[in-house]
């Protein structure tokens, strides 16, 4: 696929990349992954603060 100036357009929503996902599917997966990672970080930080409050390790 080419744009008006002859360059190649890198993102193609119909092409399946080596991961087995299209560009749109990969972006959706990435958004879910980053949201899950953020939730995991918040929960683990809370667990550390909670544990330190009741059983300080210093």
Protein backbone atom coordinates (compact mmCIF):
# COMPACT_ATOMS: atom_id res chain seq x y z
CA UNK A 1 0.00 0.00 0.00
CA UNK A 2 1.38 3.41 -0.97
CA UNK A 3 0.44 6.94 -0.06
CA UNK A 4 0.08 9.82 -2.54
CA UNK A 5 3.81 10.56 -2.58
CA UNK A 6 4.94 7.00 -3.28
CA UNK A 7 5.97 6.11 0.27
CA UNK A 8 4.95 2.86 1.90
CA UNK A 9 2.28 3.04 4.59
CA UNK A 10 3.48 0.90 7.50
CA UNK A 11 0.21 0.32 9.37
CA UNK A 12 -2.24 -1.82 7.43
CA UNK A 13 -5.37 -2.94 9.29
CA UNK A 14 -5.90 -5.89 6.96
CA UNK A 15 -2.35 -7.30 7.13
CA UNK A 16 -1.67 -10.00 9.70
CA UNK A 17 1.76 -9.52 11.27
CA UNK A 18 4.05 -12.31 12.59
CA UNK A 19 2.36 -12.04 15.99
CA UNK A 20 -0.87 -13.18 14.35
CA UNK A 21 -2.59 -9.86 15.08
CA UNK A 22 -3.63 -7.00 12.87
CA UNK A 23 -2.54 -3.47 13.78
CA UNK A 24 -5.91 -2.71 15.39
CA UNK A 25 -5.90 -5.96 17.40
CA UNK A 26 -2.34 -5.30 18.57
CA UNK A 27 -3.27 -1.81 19.75
CA UNK A 28 -6.28 -3.21 21.62
CA UNK A 29 -4.14 -5.89 23.26
CA UNK A 30 -1.56 -3.27 24.22
CA UNK A 31 -4.18 -1.06 25.87
CA UNK A 32 -5.54 -3.99 27.92
CA UNK A 33 -2.00 -5.07 28.86
CA UNK A 34 -0.97 -1.60 30.05
CA UNK A 35 -4.19 -1.21 32.06
CA UNK A 36 -3.60 -4.59 33.70
CA UNK A 37 0.00 -3.71 34.46
CA UNK A 38 -1.09 -0.43 36.05
CA UNK A 39 -3.65 -2.23 38.22
CA UNK A 40 -1.03 -4.79 39.27
CA UNK A 41 1.42 -2.03 40.25
CA UNK A 42 -1.23 -0.21 42.31
CA UNK A 43 -2.27 -3.43 44.07
CA UNK A 44 1.30 -4.44 44.83
CA UNK A 45 2.14 -0.95 46.15
CA UNK A 46 -0.95 -1.11 48.39
CA UNK A 47 0.07 -4.56 49.64
CA UNK A 48 3.55 -3.31 50.51
CA UNK A 49 2.23 -0.26 52.36
CA UNK A 50 -0.35 -2.38 54.19
CA UNK A 51 2.25 -4.97 55.18
CA UNK A 52 4.75 -2.32 56.31
CA UNK A 53 2.06 -0.62 58.40
CA UNK A 54 1.27 -3.79 60.37
CA UNK A 55 4.67 -5.49 60.27
CA UNK A 56 7.50 -2.99 59.66
CA UNK A 57 10.64 -4.56 58.31
CA UNK A 58 12.99 -1.71 59.33
